[in-house]
All heavy atoms as atom14 arrays in JSON, in Angstrom:
{
  "sequence": "FFHTKEKRFMWHLKLIFPQSSTEFSQRRVSDRQTLEQILTPYIHPT",
  "atom14_mask": [
    [1, 1, 1, 1, 1, 1, 1, 1, 1, 1, 1, 0, 0, 0],
    [1, 1, 1, 1, 1, 1, 1, 1, 1, 1, 1, 0, 0, 0],
    [1, 1, 1, 1, 1, 1, 1, 1, 1, 1, 0, 0, 0, 0],
    [1, 1, 1, 1, 1, 1, 1, 0, 0, 0, 0, 0, 0, 0],
    [1, 1, 1, 1, 1, 1, 1, 1, 1, 0, 0, 0, 0, 0],
    [1, 1, 1, 1, 1, 1, 1, 1, 1, 0, 0, 0, 0, 0],
    [1, 1, 1, 1, 1, 1, 1, 1, 1, 0, 0, 0, 0, 0],
    [1, 1, 1, 1, 1, 1, 1, 1, 1, 1, 1, 0, 0, 0],
    [1, 1, 1, 1, 1, 1, 1, 1, 1, 1, 1, 0, 0, 0],
    [1, 1, 1, 1, 1, 1, 1, 1, 0, 0, 0, 0, 0, 0],
    [1, 1, 1, 1, 1, 1, 1, 1, 1, 1, 1, 1, 1, 1],
    [1, 1, 1, 1, 1, 1, 1, 1, 1, 1, 0, 0, 0, 0],
    [1, 1, 1, 1, 1, 1, 1, 1, 0, 0, 0, 0, 0, 0],
    [1, 1, 1, 1, 1, 1, 1, 1, 1, 0, 0, 0, 0, 0],
    [1, 1, 1, 1, 1, 1, 1, 1, 0, 0, 0, 0, 0, 0],
    [1, 1, 1, 1, 1, 1, 1, 1, 0, 0, 0, 0, 0, 0],
    [1, 1, 1, 1, 1, 1, 1, 1, 1, 1, 1, 0, 0, 0],
    [1, 1, 1, 1, 1, 1, 1, 0, 0, 0, 0, 0, 0, 0],
    [1, 1, 1, 1, 1, 1, 1, 1, 1, 0, 0, 0, 0, 0],
    [1, 1, 1, 1, 1, 1, 0, 0, 0, 0, 0, 0, 0, 0],
    [1, 1, 1, 1, 1, 1, 0, 0, 0, 0, 0, 0, 0, 0],
    [1, 1, 1, 1, 1, 1, 1, 0, 0, 0, 0, 0, 0, 0],
    [1, 1, 1, 1, 1, 1, 1, 1, 1, 0, 0, 0, 0, 0],
    [1, 1, 1, 1, 1, 1, 1, 1, 1, 1, 1, 0, 0, 0],
    [1, 1, 1, 1, 1, 1, 0, 0, 0, 0, 0, 0, 0, 0],
    [1, 1, 1, 1, 1, 1, 1, 1, 1, 0, 0, 0, 0, 0],
    [1, 1, 1, 1, 1, 1, 1, 1, 1, 1, 1, 0, 0, 0],
    [1, 1, 1, 1, 1, 1, 1, 1, 1, 1, 1, 0, 0, 0],
    [1, 1, 1, 1, 1, 1, 1, 0, 0, 0, 0, 0, 0, 0],
    [1, 1, 1, 1, 1, 1, 0, 0, 0, 0, 0, 0, 0, 0],
    [1, 1, 1, 1, 1, 1, 1, 1, 0, 0, 0, 0, 0, 0],
    [1, 1, 1, 1, 1, 1, 1, 1, 1, 1, 1, 0, 0, 0],
    [1, 1, 1, 1, 1, 1, 1, 1, 1, 0, 0, 0, 0, 0],
    [1, 1, 1, 1, 1, 1, 1, 0, 0, 0, 0, 0, 0, 0],
    [1, 1, 1, 1, 1, 1, 1, 1, 0, 0, 0, 0, 0, 0],
    [1, 1, 1, 1, 1, 1, 1, 1, 1, 0, 0, 0, 0, 0],
    [1, 1, 1, 1, 1, 1, 1, 1, 1, 0, 0, 0, 0, 0],
    [1, 1, 1, 1, 1, 1, 1, 1, 0, 0, 0, 0, 0, 0],
    [1, 1, 1, 1, 1, 1, 1, 1, 0, 0, 0, 0, 0, 0],
    [1, 1, 1, 1, 1, 1, 1, 0, 0, 0, 0, 0, 0, 0],
    [1, 1, 1, 1, 1, 1, 1, 0, 0, 0, 0, 0, 0, 0],
    [1, 1, 1, 1, 1, 1, 1, 1, 1, 1, 1, 1, 0, 0],
    [1, 1, 1, 1, 1, 1, 1, 1, 0, 0, 0, 0, 0, 0],
    [1, 1, 1, 1, 1, 1, 1, 1, 1, 1, 0, 0, 0, 0],
    [1, 1, 1, 1, 1, 1, 1, 0, 0, 0, 0, 0, 0, 0],
    [1, 1, 1, 1, 1, 1, 1, 0, 0, 0, 0, 0, 0, 0]
  ],
  "atom14_positions": [
    [[-74.94, 3.05, -48.15], [-74.64, 4.24, -47.37], [-74.36, 3.88, -45.94], [-74.74, 2.85, -45.44], [-75.83, 5.18, -47.61], [-77.15, 4.74, -46.84], [-77.4, 5.2, -45.53], [-78.04, 3.9, -47.55], [-78.59, 4.74, -44.95], [-79.11, 3.58, -46.89], [-79.42, 3.91, -45.62], [0.0, 0.0, 0.0], [0.0, 0.0, 0.0], [0.0, 0.0, 0.0]],
    [[-73.74, 4.9, -45.26], [-73.46, 4.68, -43.88], [-74.45, 5.38, -42.99], [-74.69, 6.53, -43.1], [-72.03, 5.31, -43.57], [-71.54, 5.02, -42.18], [-71.13, 3.66, -41.84], [-71.51, 5.94, -41.23], [-70.71, 3.46, -40.54], [-71.06, 5.62, -39.98], [-70.65, 4.43, -39.63], [0.0, 0.0, 0.0], [0.0, 0.0, 0.0], [0.0, 0.0, 0.0]],
    [[-75.11, 4.65, -42.19], [-76.17, 5.14, -41.23], [-75.41, 5.84, -40.02], [-74.97, 5.0, -39.14], [-77.15, 4.01, -40.81], [-78.39, 4.62, -40.39], [-78.5, 5.28, -39.18], [-79.71, 4.42, -40.86], [-79.77, 5.5, -38.92], [-80.51, 4.96, -39.91], [0.0, 0.0, 0.0], [0.0, 0.0, 0.0], [0.0, 0.0, 0.0], [0.0, 0.0, 0.0]],
    [[-75.35, 7.14, -40.08], [-74.51, 7.78, -39.1], [-74.96, 7.56, -37.63], [-74.03, 7.24, -36.86], [-74.45, 9.31, -39.37], [-74.41, 9.52, -40.82], [-73.15, 9.95, -38.84], [0.0, 0.0, 0.0], [0.0, 0.0, 0.0], [0.0, 0.0, 0.0], [0.0, 0.0, 0.0], [0.0, 0.0, 0.0], [0.0, 0.0, 0.0], [0.0, 0.0, 0.0]],
    [[-76.33, 7.76, -37.41], [-76.72, 7.6, -36.01], [-76.47, 6.24, -35.5], [-76.09, 6.11, -34.31], [-78.21, 7.95, -35.95], [-78.56, 9.4, -35.89], [-79.98, 9.58, -35.68], [-80.35, 11.12, -35.69], [-81.73, 11.42, -35.73], [0.0, 0.0, 0.0], [0.0, 0.0, 0.0], [0.0, 0.0, 0.0], [0.0, 0.0, 0.0], [0.0, 0.0, 0.0]],
    [[-76.77, 5.22, -36.27], [-76.6, 3.8, -35.8], [-75.26, 3.3, -36.14], [-75.03, 2.09, -35.61], [-77.64, 3.05, -36.62], [-79.09, 3.4, -36.13], [-80.17, 2.44, -36.86], [-79.88, 1.35, -37.3], [-81.27, 2.93, -36.92], [0.0, 0.0, 0.0], [0.0, 0.0, 0.0], [0.0, 0.0, 0.0], [0.0, 0.0, 0.0], [0.0, 0.0, 0.0]],
    [[-74.34, 4.0, -36.64], [-72.95, 3.61, -36.95], [-72.94, 2.16, -37.62], [-72.28, 1.39, -37.08], [-72.2, 3.62, -35.56], [-72.14, 4.84, -34.83], [-71.01, 5.63, -35.24], [-70.82, 6.97, -34.46], [-71.34, 8.06, -34.98], [0.0, 0.0, 0.0], [0.0, 0.0, 0.0], [0.0, 0.0, 0.0], [0.0, 0.0, 0.0], [0.0, 0.0, 0.0]],
    [[-73.68, 2.15, -38.67], [-73.63, 0.85, -39.48], [-73.73, 1.18, -40.96], [-74.46, 2.17, -41.39], [-74.63, -0.06, -38.91], [-76.08, 0.39, -39.18], [-76.97, -0.58, -38.56], [-78.25, -0.06, -38.51], [-79.43, -0.57, -38.81], [-79.46, -1.8, -39.22], [-80.67, -0.03, -38.74], [0.0, 0.0, 0.0], [0.0, 0.0, 0.0], [0.0, 0.0, 0.0]],
    [[-73.23, 0.24, -41.78], [-73.48, 0.41, -43.17], [-74.81, -0.25, -43.59], [-75.1, -1.33, -43.04], [-72.29, -0.41, -43.88], [-71.09, 0.46, -44.2], [-69.95, 0.33, -43.37], [-71.11, 1.5, -45.18], [-68.84, 1.15, -43.74], [-70.02, 2.2, -45.5], [-68.83, 2.06, -44.72], [0.0, 0.0, 0.0], [0.0, 0.0, 0.0], [0.0, 0.0, 0.0]],
    [[-75.42, 0.31, -44.64], [-76.56, -0.35, -45.22], [-76.02, -0.68, -46.61], [-75.87, 0.19, -47.34], [-77.76, 0.59, -45.23], [-78.22, 1.02, -43.87], [-78.73, -0.36, -42.87], [-80.37, -0.77, -43.57], [0.0, 0.0, 0.0], [0.0, 0.0, 0.0], [0.0, 0.0, 0.0], [0.0, 0.0, 0.0], [0.0, 0.0, 0.0], [0.0, 0.0, 0.0]],
    [[-75.69, -1.86, -46.81], [-74.98, -2.32, -48.07], [-75.87, -2.55, -49.25], [-76.94, -3.07, -49.09], [-74.2, -3.66, -47.76], [-73.02, -3.43, -46.95], [-72.91, -3.75, -45.59], [-71.66, -2.86, -47.25], [-71.58, -3.48, -45.1], [-70.91, -2.89, -46.08], [-71.23, -2.37, -48.4], [-69.49, -2.45, -46.04], [-69.83, -1.89, -48.45], [-69.16, -1.93, -47.27]],
    [[-75.28, -2.31, -50.36], [-75.8, -2.77, -51.69], [-75.16, -4.14, -51.85], [-74.05, -4.24, -51.65], [-75.39, -1.88, -52.77], [-75.98, -2.31, -54.2], [-77.14, -1.8, -54.69], [-75.41, -3.21, -55.02], [-77.34, -2.4, -55.89], [-76.4, -3.17, -56.06], [0.0, 0.0, 0.0], [0.0, 0.0, 0.0], [0.0, 0.0, 0.0], [0.0, 0.0, 0.0]],
    [[-75.94, -5.18, -51.98], [-75.34, -6.6, -52.2], [-75.68, -7.22, -53.42], [-76.72, -7.07, -53.98], [-75.96, -7.48, -51.1], [-75.34, -7.77, -49.8], [-76.05, -8.77, -49.01], [-73.89, -7.89, -49.81], [0.0, 0.0, 0.0], [0.0, 0.0, 0.0], [0.0, 0.0, 0.0], [0.0, 0.0, 0.0], [0.0, 0.0, 0.0], [0.0, 0.0, 0.0]],
    [[-74.75, -7.87, -54.05], [-74.96, -8.65, -55.19], [-74.87, -10.1, -54.79], [-73.76, -10.5, -54.25], [-74.08, -8.28, -56.41], [-74.53, -9.15, -57.6], [-73.64, -8.74, -58.86], [-74.32, -7.52, -59.47], [-73.81, -7.06, -60.77], [0.0, 0.0, 0.0], [0.0, 0.0, 0.0], [0.0, 0.0, 0.0], [0.0, 0.0, 0.0], [0.0, 0.0, 0.0]],
    [[-75.86, -10.97, -55.05], [-75.75, -12.34, -54.62], [-75.86, -13.12, -55.94], [-76.75, -13.04, -56.74], [-77.14, -12.67, -53.83], [-77.28, -11.91, -52.61], [-78.67, -12.27, -51.97], [-76.25, -12.2, -51.6], [0.0, 0.0, 0.0], [0.0, 0.0, 0.0], [0.0, 0.0, 0.0], [0.0, 0.0, 0.0], [0.0, 0.0, 0.0], [0.0, 0.0, 0.0]],
    [[-74.85, -13.86, -56.2], [-74.59, -14.71, -57.39], [-74.81, -16.22, -57.1], [-74.15, -16.74, -56.18], [-73.3, -14.56, -58.05], [-73.13, -13.02, -58.44], [-73.09, -15.45, -59.34], [-71.82, -12.64, -59.07], [0.0, 0.0, 0.0], [0.0, 0.0, 0.0], [0.0, 0.0, 0.0], [0.0, 0.0, 0.0], [0.0, 0.0, 0.0], [0.0, 0.0, 0.0]],
    [[-75.76, -16.81, -57.64], [-76.01, -18.25, -57.47], [-75.54, -18.99, -58.76], [-76.37, -19.23, -59.61], [-77.52, -18.54, -57.23], [-78.02, -17.82, -55.98], [-78.41, -16.61, -56.02], [-77.97, -18.62, -54.8], [-78.92, -15.99, -54.85], [-78.52, -18.0, -53.59], [-79.03, -16.7, -53.66], [0.0, 0.0, 0.0], [0.0, 0.0, 0.0], [0.0, 0.0, 0.0]],
    [[-74.28, -19.26, -58.91], [-73.81, -19.81, -60.18], [-74.42, -21.17, -60.66], [-74.45, -21.36, -61.84], [-72.16, -20.0, -59.92], [-72.11, -19.97, -58.41], [-73.25, -19.21, -57.87], [0.0, 0.0, 0.0], [0.0, 0.0, 0.0], [0.0, 0.0, 0.0], [0.0, 0.0, 0.0], [0.0, 0.0, 0.0], [0.0, 0.0, 0.0], [0.0, 0.0, 0.0]],
    [[-74.83, -22.09, -59.71], [-75.36, -23.24, -60.17], [-76.79, -23.12, -60.72], [-77.28, -24.09, -61.27], [-75.32, -24.35, -58.98], [-73.84, -24.99, -58.77], [-73.02, -24.07, -58.1], [-73.19, -23.61, -56.88], [-71.83, -23.68, -58.73], [0.0, 0.0, 0.0], [0.0, 0.0, 0.0], [0.0, 0.0, 0.0], [0.0, 0.0, 0.0], [0.0, 0.0, 0.0]],
    [[-77.33, -21.97, -60.55], [-78.65, -21.68, -61.16], [-78.6, -20.56, -62.11], [-79.57, -20.22, -62.69], [-79.68, -21.35, -60.06], [-79.98, -22.43, -59.31], [0.0, 0.0, 0.0], [0.0, 0.0, 0.0], [0.0, 0.0, 0.0], [0.0, 0.0, 0.0], [0.0, 0.0, 0.0], [0.0, 0.0, 0.0], [0.0, 0.0, 0.0], [0.0, 0.0, 0.0]],
    [[-77.35, -20.21, -62.53], [-77.11, -19.06, -63.39], [-77.96, -17.85, -63.08], [-78.75, -17.33, -64.01], [-77.35, -19.5, -64.83], [-76.49, -20.6, -65.16], [0.0, 0.0, 0.0], [0.0, 0.0, 0.0], [0.0, 0.0, 0.0], [0.0, 0.0, 0.0], [0.0, 0.0, 0.0], [0.0, 0.0, 0.0], [0.0, 0.0, 0.0], [0.0, 0.0, 0.0]],
    [[-78.07, -17.55, -61.82], [-79.01, -16.44, -61.38], [-78.3, -15.57, -60.45], [-77.38, -15.92, -59.79], [-80.21, -17.07, -60.61], [-80.78, -18.09, -61.31], [-81.32, -16.08, -60.18], [0.0, 0.0, 0.0], [0.0, 0.0, 0.0], [0.0, 0.0, 0.0], [0.0, 0.0, 0.0], [0.0, 0.0, 0.0], [0.0, 0.0, 0.0], [0.0, 0.0, 0.0]],
    [[-78.64, -14.27, -60.57], [-78.08, -13.26, -59.52], [-79.21, -12.25, -59.18], [-80.08, -12.02, -60.05], [-76.83, -12.61, -60.1], [-76.99, -11.76, -61.42], [-75.63, -11.18, -61.81], [-74.67, -11.91, -61.93], [-75.6, -9.95, -61.79], [0.0, 0.0, 0.0], [0.0, 0.0, 0.0], [0.0, 0.0, 0.0], [0.0, 0.0, 0.0], [0.0, 0.0, 0.0]],
    [[-79.01, -11.8, -57.92], [-80.01, -10.76, -57.4], [-79.12, -9.75, -56.88], [-78.0, -9.87, -56.33], [-80.79, -11.44, -56.27], [-81.73, -12.59, -56.69], [-81.22, -13.88, -56.67], [-82.93, -12.32, -57.2], [-81.97, -15.02, -57.02], [-83.75, -13.43, -57.63], [-83.34, -14.75, -57.58], [0.0, 0.0, 0.0], [0.0, 0.0, 0.0], [0.0, 0.0, 0.0]],
    [[-79.77, -8.51, -56.79], [-79.21, -7.31, -56.11], [-80.18, -6.94, -55.07], [-81.32, -7.07, -55.18], [-78.94, -6.16, -56.98], [-77.89, -6.44, -57.87], [0.0, 0.0, 0.0], [0.0, 0.0, 0.0], [0.0, 0.0, 0.0], [0.0, 0.0, 0.0], [0.0, 0.0, 0.0], [0.0, 0.0, 0.0], [0.0, 0.0, 0.0], [0.0, 0.0, 0.0]],
    [[-79.52, -6.67, -53.87], [-80.41, -6.38, -52.68], [-79.92, -5.04, -52.23], [-78.63, -4.8, -52.06], [-80.27, -7.48, -51.7], [-81.28, -7.46, -50.68], [-81.32, -8.63, -49.69], [-80.63, -9.66, -50.05], [-81.95, -8.54, -48.51], [0.0, 0.0, 0.0], [0.0, 0.0, 0.0], [0.0, 0.0, 0.0], [0.0, 0.0, 0.0], [0.0, 0.0, 0.0]],
    [[-80.82, -4.1, -51.88], [-80.46, -2.74, -51.39], [-80.6, -2.73, -49.91], [-81.51, -3.36, -49.22], [-81.2, -1.74, -52.04], [-81.05, -1.65, -53.57], [-82.04, -0.73, -54.14], [-81.69, -0.43, -55.47], [-81.08, 0.74, -55.77], [-80.89, 1.64, -54.86], [-80.66, 1.05, -57.07], [0.0, 0.0, 0.0], [0.0, 0.0, 0.0], [0.0, 0.0, 0.0]],
    [[-79.87, -1.82, -49.27], [-80.03, -1.46, -47.77], [-79.97, -2.7, -46.82], [-80.86, -2.93, -46.1], [-81.33, -0.73, -47.57], [-81.24, 0.6, -48.35], [-82.35, 1.49, -48.07], [-82.21, 2.79, -48.71], [-82.87, 3.8, -48.57], [-83.79, 3.85, -47.57], [-82.66, 4.94, -49.24], [0.0, 0.0, 0.0], [0.0, 0.0, 0.0], [0.0, 0.0, 0.0]],
    [[-78.94, -3.53, -47.06], [-78.88, -4.71, -46.26], [-77.92, -4.25, -44.95], [-76.83, -3.8, -45.17], [-78.24, -5.85, -46.9], [-77.94, -7.03, -46.09], [-78.9, -6.27, -48.21], [0.0, 0.0, 0.0], [0.0, 0.0, 0.0], [0.0, 0.0, 0.0], [0.0, 0.0, 0.0], [0.0, 0.0, 0.0], [0.0, 0.0, 0.0], [0.0, 0.0, 0.0]],
    [[-78.5, -4.39, -43.85], [-77.76, -4.06, -42.65], [-76.57, -4.87, -42.47], [-76.68, -6.07, -42.56], [-78.68, -4.14, -41.37], [-77.93, -3.95, -40.16], [0.0, 0.0, 0.0], [0.0, 0.0, 0.0], [0.0, 0.0, 0.0], [0.0, 0.0, 0.0], [0.0, 0.0, 0.0], [0.0, 0.0, 0.0], [0.0, 0.0, 0.0], [0.0, 0.0, 0.0]],
    [[-75.51, -4.23, -42.0], [-74.25, -5.01, -41.7], [-74.34, -5.86, -40.47], [-73.41, -6.69, -40.24], [-73.02, -4.09, -41.85], [-72.87, -3.01, -40.61], [-73.83, -3.15, -39.76], [-72.04, -2.22, -40.58], [0.0, 0.0, 0.0], [0.0, 0.0, 0.0], [0.0, 0.0, 0.0], [0.0, 0.0, 0.0], [0.0, 0.0, 0.0], [0.0, 0.0, 0.0]],
    [[-75.49, -5.75, -39.87], [-75.66, -6.56, -38.56], [-76.39, -7.83, -38.92], [-76.34, -8.73, -38.02], [-76.46, -5.77, -37.53], [-75.59, -4.59, -37.05], [-76.45, -3.76, -36.02], [-75.66, -2.61, -35.72], [-76.2, -1.47, -35.16], [-77.52, -1.48, -34.95], [-75.48, -0.4, -35.0], [0.0, 0.0, 0.0], [0.0, 0.0, 0.0], [0.0, 0.0, 0.0]],
    [[-76.87, -8.06, -40.06], [-77.52, -9.27, -40.43], [-76.49, -10.39, -40.64], [-75.47, -10.12, -41.28], [-78.36, -9.14, -41.71], [-79.74, -8.38, -41.52], [-80.42, -8.57, -42.84], [-80.28, -7.95, -43.78], [-81.53, -9.39, -42.75], [0.0, 0.0, 0.0], [0.0, 0.0, 0.0], [0.0, 0.0, 0.0], [0.0, 0.0, 0.0], [0.0, 0.0, 0.0]],
    [[-76.84, -11.48, -40.33], [-75.94, -12.69, -40.66], [-76.23, -13.12, -41.99], [-77.24, -12.82, -42.64], [-76.24, -13.93, -39.75], [-77.52, -14.44, -39.99], [-76.16, -13.63, -38.2], [0.0, 0.0, 0.0], [0.0, 0.0, 0.0], [0.0, 0.0, 0.0], [0.0, 0.0, 0.0], [0.0, 0.0, 0.0], [0.0, 0.0, 0.0], [0.0, 0.0, 0.0]],
    [[-75.17, -13.84, -42.56], [-75.42, -14.49, -44.01], [-76.51, -15.29, -44.1], [-77.29, -15.34, -45.11], [-74.12, -15.05, -44.46], [-72.85, -14.14, -44.66], [-71.85, -14.94, -45.32], [-73.22, -12.92, -45.53], [0.0, 0.0, 0.0], [0.0, 0.0, 0.0], [0.0, 0.0, 0.0], [0.0, 0.0, 0.0], [0.0, 0.0, 0.0], [0.0, 0.0, 0.0]],
    [[-76.81, -16.1, -43.03], [-77.96, -16.99, -43.09], [-79.2, -16.14, -43.16], [-80.2, -16.6, -43.87], [-77.96, -17.95, -41.82], [-78.97, -19.06, -41.92], [-78.75, -20.1, -40.97], [-77.63, -20.45, -40.49], [-79.72, -20.55, -40.46], [0.0, 0.0, 0.0], [0.0, 0.0, 0.0], [0.0, 0.0, 0.0], [0.0, 0.0, 0.0], [0.0, 0.0, 0.0]],
    [[-79.4, -15.1, -42.48], [-80.56, -14.19, -42.47], [-80.79, -13.62, -43.89], [-81.79, -13.59, -44.38], [-80.53, -13.17, -41.41], [-80.51, -13.58, -39.98], [-80.23, -12.42, -38.92], [-79.35, -11.61, -39.2], [-81.12, -12.39, -37.88], [0.0, 0.0, 0.0], [0.0, 0.0, 0.0], [0.0, 0.0, 0.0], [0.0, 0.0, 0.0], [0.0, 0.0, 0.0]],
    [[-79.6, -13.26, -44.42], [-79.66, -12.6, -45.75], [-80.17, -13.6, -46.86], [-80.93, -13.32, -47.71], [-78.25, -12.08, -46.16], [-77.97, -10.76, -45.24], [-78.22, -11.54, -47.64], [-76.6, -10.33, -45.3], [0.0, 0.0, 0.0], [0.0, 0.0, 0.0], [0.0, 0.0, 0.0], [0.0, 0.0, 0.0], [0.0, 0.0, 0.0], [0.0, 0.0, 0.0]],
    [[-79.71, -14.93, -46.61], [-79.98, -15.94, -47.65], [-81.37, -16.58, -47.47], [-81.86, -17.21, -48.41], [-78.85, -16.91, -47.73], [-77.47, -16.5, -48.32], [-76.42, -17.51, -48.08], [-77.56, -15.97, -49.65], [0.0, 0.0, 0.0], [0.0, 0.0, 0.0], [0.0, 0.0, 0.0], [0.0, 0.0, 0.0], [0.0, 0.0, 0.0], [0.0, 0.0, 0.0]],
    [[-81.82, -16.64, -46.33], [-83.02, -17.28, -45.95], [-84.23, -16.97, -47.06], [-84.88, -17.87, -47.46], [-83.63, -17.04, -44.61], [-82.64, -17.64, -43.7], [-85.05, -17.56, -44.22], [0.0, 0.0, 0.0], [0.0, 0.0, 0.0], [0.0, 0.0, 0.0], [0.0, 0.0, 0.0], [0.0, 0.0, 0.0], [0.0, 0.0, 0.0], [0.0, 0.0, 0.0]],
    [[-84.48, -15.69, -47.31], [-85.54, -15.45, -48.31], [-85.31, -15.9, -49.67], [-86.28, -16.06, -50.54], [-85.62, -13.86, -48.32], [-84.86, -13.38, -47.31], [-83.91, -14.42, -46.88], [0.0, 0.0, 0.0], [0.0, 0.0, 0.0], [0.0, 0.0, 0.0], [0.0, 0.0, 0.0], [0.0, 0.0, 0.0], [0.0, 0.0, 0.0], [0.0, 0.0, 0.0]],
    [[-84.06, -16.4, -49.95], [-83.8, -16.97, -51.27], [-83.83, -18.4, -51.27], [-84.27, -19.07, -52.19], [-82.43, -16.5, -51.7], [-82.35, -15.12, -51.93], [-82.01, -14.17, -50.87], [-82.7, -14.49, -53.14], [-81.9, -12.8, -51.03], [-82.57, -13.09, -53.32], [-82.26, -12.21, -52.26], [-82.27, -10.89, -52.45], [0.0, 0.0, 0.0], [0.0, 0.0, 0.0]],
    [[-83.14, -19.11, -50.33], [-83.06, -20.63, -50.46], [-83.53, -21.41, -49.23], [-83.3, -22.6, -49.23], [-81.47, -20.85, -50.67], [-80.66, -20.43, -49.5], [-80.95, -20.27, -51.9], [-79.25, -20.89, -49.49], [0.0, 0.0, 0.0], [0.0, 0.0, 0.0], [0.0, 0.0, 0.0], [0.0, 0.0, 0.0], [0.0, 0.0, 0.0], [0.0, 0.0, 0.0]],
    [[-84.31, -20.72, -48.36], [-84.89, -21.56, -47.21], [-86.08, -22.3, -47.76], [-86.88, -21.73, -48.48], [-85.29, -20.65, -46.12], [-85.63, -21.36, -44.8], [-86.94, -21.99, -44.64], [-84.91, -21.65, -43.77], [-86.98, -22.49, -43.53], [-85.76, -22.36, -42.97], [0.0, 0.0, 0.0], [0.0, 0.0, 0.0], [0.0, 0.0, 0.0], [0.0, 0.0, 0.0]],
    [[-86.25, -23.67, -47.48], [-87.29, -24.44, -48.03], [-88.7, -23.96, -47.79], [-89.58, -24.0, -48.64], [-87.15, -25.85, -47.35], [-85.77, -25.85, -46.83], [-85.35, -24.39, -46.66], [0.0, 0.0, 0.0], [0.0, 0.0, 0.0], [0.0, 0.0, 0.0], [0.0, 0.0, 0.0], [0.0, 0.0, 0.0], [0.0, 0.0, 0.0], [0.0, 0.0, 0.0]],
    [[-88.98, -23.3, -46.66], [-90.34, -22.9, -46.35], [-90.5, -21.32, -46.29], [-91.59, -20.83, -46.5], [-90.76, -23.52, -45.03], [-89.92, -23.13, -44.0], [-91.03, -24.92, -45.11], [0.0, 0.0, 0.0], [0.0, 0.0, 0.0], [0.0, 0.0, 0.0], [0.0, 0.0, 0.0], [0.0, 0.0, 0.0], [0.0, 0.0, 0.0], [0.0, 0.0, 0.0]]
  ]
}
């Protein structure tokens, strides 16, 4: 959905990790987040 006041999209995202045959869906991801920030909860070592 589009957050009218903040003028930004809150995206539905599908993340596919082909080398692990795994995929995740994430809701309400701000279009201001970097890809690294989005992926950190999935693949960051700590």
